[in-house]
Amino acid sequence: MSVYFLGSDEKYRCDTEAEAKWLIEEAKKSSQYTVKKVREEIRTQKKGGEIIDEWKRVIITKEFCQEKEPDCDLMPIYTDERYTTNE
Protein backbone atom coordinates (compact mmCIF):
# COMPACT_ATOMS: atom_id res chain seq x y z
CA MET A 1 0.00 0.00 0.00
CA SER A 2 1.22 3.50 -0.80
CA VAL A 3 0.13 6.86 0.53
CA TYR A 4 0.71 10.04 -1.46
CA PHE A 5 0.17 13.65 -0.40
CA LEU A 6 -1.63 15.09 -3.42
CA GLY A 7 -2.31 18.68 -2.49
CA SER A 8 -3.79 21.23 -0.14
CA ASP A 9 -6.05 24.26 0.17
CA GLU A 10 -4.29 27.03 2.08
CA LYS A 11 -6.14 30.04 3.49
CA TYR A 12 -4.45 33.39 4.05
CA ARG A 13 -5.59 36.72 5.45
CA CYS A 14 -4.22 39.77 3.62
CA ASP A 15 -4.82 43.31 4.83
CA THR A 16 -4.38 44.90 1.39
CA GLU A 17 -5.00 44.10 -2.26
CA ALA A 18 -1.27 44.52 -2.92
CA GLU A 19 -0.42 41.85 -0.32
CA ALA A 20 -2.94 39.45 -1.85
CA LYS A 21 -1.53 40.00 -5.33
CA TRP A 22 2.04 39.48 -4.10
CA LEU A 23 1.07 36.27 -2.27
CA ILE A 24 -0.59 34.81 -5.37
CA GLU A 25 2.33 35.71 -7.66
CA GLU A 26 4.86 34.19 -5.24
CA ALA A 27 2.83 30.96 -5.01
CA LYS A 28 2.74 30.68 -8.80
CA LYS A 29 6.56 30.95 -8.98
CA SER A 30 7.17 27.83 -6.89
CA SER A 31 8.61 24.73 -8.53
CA GLN A 32 7.51 22.49 -5.61
CA TYR A 33 3.82 22.45 -6.58
CA THR A 34 1.32 23.62 -9.19
CA VAL A 35 -1.27 26.25 -8.31
CA LYS A 36 -4.55 24.70 -9.48
CA LYS A 37 -6.99 27.35 -8.27
CA VAL A 38 -7.02 30.73 -6.50
CA ARG A 39 -10.06 32.18 -4.76
CA GLU A 40 -10.27 35.66 -3.28
CA GLU A 41 -12.98 36.87 -0.90
CA ILE A 42 -13.59 40.16 0.87
CA ARG A 43 -14.30 39.45 4.53
CA THR A 44 -15.65 41.83 7.13
CA GLN A 45 -16.17 41.93 10.87
CA LYS A 46 -19.24 43.80 12.07
CA LYS A 47 -20.21 45.14 15.44
CA GLY A 48 -23.62 46.66 15.97
CA GLY A 49 -24.30 46.53 12.24
CA GLU A 50 -21.19 48.60 11.51
CA ILE A 51 -18.11 47.25 9.72
CA ILE A 52 -15.16 47.50 12.10
CA ASP A 53 -12.61 45.48 10.12
CA GLU A 54 -12.17 44.38 6.51
CA TRP A 55 -9.61 42.08 4.87
CA LYS A 56 -9.08 39.85 1.87
CA ARG A 57 -9.06 36.05 2.26
CA VAL A 58 -6.98 34.25 -0.35
CA ILE A 59 -7.42 30.50 -0.78
CA ILE A 60 -4.75 28.78 -2.87
CA THR A 61 -5.22 25.19 -4.04
CA LYS A 62 -1.83 23.54 -4.52
CA GLU A 63 -1.15 20.22 -6.27
CA PHE A 64 2.03 18.38 -5.28
CA CYS A 65 1.38 15.09 -7.12
CA GLN A 66 -1.02 14.02 -9.82
CA GLU A 67 -3.56 11.58 -8.44
CA LYS A 68 -3.55 9.24 -11.44
CA GLU A 69 0.24 9.03 -11.63
CA PRO A 70 1.77 10.08 -8.29
CA ASP A 71 5.50 10.63 -8.56
CA CYS A 72 6.50 12.29 -5.29
CA ASP A 73 7.29 11.21 -1.78
CA LEU A 74 6.28 14.41 -0.01
CA MET A 75 4.34 13.99 3.23
CA PRO A 76 3.31 16.74 5.63
CA ILE A 77 4.86 16.62 9.08
CA TYR A 78 2.54 17.36 11.96
CA THR A 79 4.38 18.42 15.08
CA ASP A 80 1.37 19.50 17.11
CA GLU A 81 0.65 16.71 19.59
CA ARG A 82 -3.05 16.86 18.67
CA TYR A 83 -2.06 15.26 15.34
CA THR A 84 0.32 12.58 16.57
CA THR A 85 -0.39 9.20 18.11
CA ASN A 86 1.49 7.31 20.77
CA GLU A 87 1.49 3.72 19.61
C-alpha atoms as a PDB file:
ATOM      1  CA  MET A   1       0.000   0.000   0.000  1.00  0.00           C
ATOM      2  CA  SER A   2       1.224   3.499  -0.802  1.00  0.00           C
ATOM      3  CA  VAL A   3       0.129   6.856   0.531  1.00  0.00           C
ATOM      4  CA  TYR A   4       0.709  10.039  -1.463  1.00  0.00           C
ATOM      5  CA  PHE A   5       0.171  13.650  -0.399  1.00  0.00           C
ATOM      6  CA  LEU A   6      -1.634  15.091  -3.421  1.00  0.00           C
ATOM      7  CA  GLY A   7      -2.310  18.682  -2.492  1.00  0.00           C
ATOM      8  CA  SER A   8      -3.792  21.226  -0.141  1.00  0.00           C
ATOM      9  CA  ASP A   9      -6.046  24.262   0.172  1.00  0.00           C
ATOM     10  CA  GLU A  10      -4.292  27.034   2.079  1.00  0.00           C
ATOM     11  CA  LYS A  11      -6.142  30.041   3.493  1.00  0.00           C
ATOM     12  CA  TYR A  12      -4.450  33.394   4.046  1.00  0.00           C
ATOM     13  CA  ARG A  13      -5.590  36.725   5.448  1.00  0.00           C
ATOM     14  CA  CYS A  14      -4.218  39.774   3.624  1.00  0.00           C
ATOM     15  CA  ASP A  15      -4.817  43.312   4.830  1.00  0.00           C
ATOM     16  CA  THR A  16      -4.377  44.895   1.394  1.00  0.00           C
ATOM     17  CA  GLU A  17      -5.001  44.099  -2.258  1.00  0.00           C
ATOM     18  CA  ALA A  18      -1.266  44.518  -2.916  1.00  0.00           C
ATOM     19  CA  GLU A  19      -0.418  41.848  -0.320  1.00  0.00           C
ATOM     20  CA  ALA A  20      -2.937  39.445  -1.847  1.00  0.00           C
ATOM     21  CA  LYS A  21      -1.534  40.000  -5.334  1.00  0.00           C
ATOM     22  CA  TRP A  22       2.040  39.482  -4.097  1.00  0.00           C
ATOM     23  CA  LEU A  23       1.073  36.275  -2.272  1.00  0.00           C
ATOM     24  CA  ILE A  24      -0.586  34.805  -5.368  1.00  0.00           C
ATOM     25  CA  GLU A  25       2.327  35.711  -7.658  1.00  0.00           C
ATOM     26  CA  GLU A  26       4.856  34.190  -5.238  1.00  0.00           C
ATOM     27  CA  ALA A  27       2.834  30.965  -5.008  1.00  0.00           C
ATOM     28  CA  LYS A  28       2.745  30.679  -8.799  1.00  0.00           C
ATOM     29  CA  LYS A  29       6.558  30.954  -8.980  1.00  0.00           C
ATOM     30  CA  SER A  30       7.169  27.825  -6.891  1.00  0.00           C
ATOM     31  CA  SER A  31       8.612  24.726  -8.528  1.00  0.00           C
ATOM     32  CA  GLN A  32       7.512  22.486  -5.606  1.00  0.00           C
ATOM     33  CA  TYR A  33       3.822  22.453  -6.583  1.00  0.00           C
ATOM     34  CA  THR A  34       1.321  23.624  -9.195  1.00  0.00           C
ATOM     35  CA  VAL A  35      -1.269  26.248  -8.306  1.00  0.00           C
ATOM     36  CA  LYS A  36      -4.545  24.695  -9.482  1.00  0.00           C
ATOM     37  CA  LYS A  37      -6.989  27.352  -8.268  1.00  0.00           C
ATOM     38  CA  VAL A  38      -7.025  30.725  -6.503  1.00  0.00           C
ATOM     39  CA  ARG A  39     -10.061  32.184  -4.764  1.00  0.00           C
ATOM     40  CA  GLU A  40     -10.275  35.661  -3.275  1.00  0.00           C
ATOM     41  CA  GLU A  41     -12.976  36.874  -0.899  1.00  0.00           C
ATOM     42  CA  ILE A  42     -13.591  40.165   0.867  1.00  0.00           C
ATOM     43  CA  ARG A  43     -14.298  39.445   4.530  1.00  0.00           C
ATOM     44  CA  THR A  44     -15.654  41.832   7.135  1.00  0.00           C
ATOM     45  CA  GLN A  45     -16.168  41.933  10.866  1.00  0.00           C
ATOM     46  CA  LYS A  46     -19.238  43.801  12.067  1.00  0.00           C
ATOM     47  CA  LYS A  47     -20.210  45.135  15.442  1.00  0.00           C
ATOM     48  CA  GLY A  48     -23.621  46.655  15.974  1.00  0.00           C
ATOM     49  CA  GLY A  49     -24.304  46.528  12.241  1.00  0.00           C
ATOM     50  CA  GLU A  50     -21.192  48.602  11.508  1.00  0.00           C
ATOM     51  CA  ILE A  51     -18.108  47.253   9.718  1.00  0.00           C
ATOM     52  CA  ILE A  52     -15.165  47.502  12.098  1.00  0.00           C
ATOM     53  CA  ASP A  53     -12.613  45.479  10.117  1.00  0.00           C
ATOM     54  CA  GLU A  54     -12.168  44.380   6.509  1.00  0.00           C
ATOM     55  CA  TRP A  55      -9.610  42.083   4.866  1.00  0.00           C
ATOM     56  CA  LYS A  56      -9.082  39.847   1.869  1.00  0.00           C
ATOM     57  CA  ARG A  57      -9.064  36.054   2.259  1.00  0.00           C
ATOM     58  CA  VAL A  58      -6.978  34.246  -0.346  1.00  0.00           C
ATOM     59  CA  ILE A  59      -7.422  30.496  -0.782  1.00  0.00           C
ATOM     60  CA  ILE A  60      -4.751  28.779  -2.869  1.00  0.00           C
ATOM     61  CA  THR A  61      -5.222  25.187  -4.043  1.00  0.00           C
ATOM     62  CA  LYS A  62      -1.833  23.541  -4.519  1.00  0.00           C
ATOM     63  CA  GLU A  63      -1.148  20.221  -6.266  1.00  0.00           C
ATOM     64  CA  PHE A  64       2.032  18.381  -5.281  1.00  0.00           C
ATOM     65  CA  CYS A  65       1.375  15.087  -7.117  1.00  0.00           C
ATOM     66  CA  GLN A  66      -1.021  14.025  -9.823  1.00  0.00           C
ATOM     67  CA  GLU A  67      -3.556  11.583  -8.436  1.00  0.00           C
ATOM     68  CA  LYS A  68      -3.550   9.245 -11.435  1.00  0.00           C
ATOM     69  CA  GLU A  69       0.242   9.035 -11.627  1.00  0.00           C
ATOM     70  CA  PRO A  70       1.768  10.085  -8.290  1.00  0.00           C
ATOM     71  CA  ASP A  71       5.497  10.632  -8.561  1.00  0.00           C
ATOM     72  CA  CYS A  72       6.501  12.289  -5.293  1.00  0.00           C
ATOM     73  CA  ASP A  73       7.292  11.206  -1.779  1.00  0.00           C
ATOM     74  CA  LEU A  74       6.277  14.409  -0.007  1.00  0.00           C
ATOM     75  CA  MET A  75       4.339  13.987   3.229  1.00  0.00           C
ATOM     76  CA  PRO A  76       3.311  16.742   5.628  1.00  0.00           C
ATOM     77  CA  ILE A  77       4.862  16.618   9.081  1.00  0.00           C
ATOM     78  CA  TYR A  78       2.537  17.355  11.965  1.00  0.00           C
ATOM     79  CA  THR A  79       4.384  18.422  15.084  1.00  0.00           C
ATOM     80  CA  ASP A  80       1.368  19.499  17.107  1.00  0.00           C
ATOM     81  CA  GLU A  81       0.645  16.711  19.586  1.00  0.00           C
ATOM     82  CA  ARG A  82      -3.048  16.863  18.671  1.00  0.00           C
ATOM     83  CA  TYR A  83      -2.056  15.262  15.337  1.00  0.00           C
ATOM     84  CA  THR A  84       0.315  12.584  16.575  1.00  0.00           C
ATOM     85  CA  THR A  85      -0.391   9.203  18.114  1.00  0.00           C
ATOM     86  CA  ASN A  86       1.491   7.308  20.771  1.00  0.00           C
ATOM     87  CA  GLU A  87       1.493   3.719  19.612  1.00  0.00           C
END
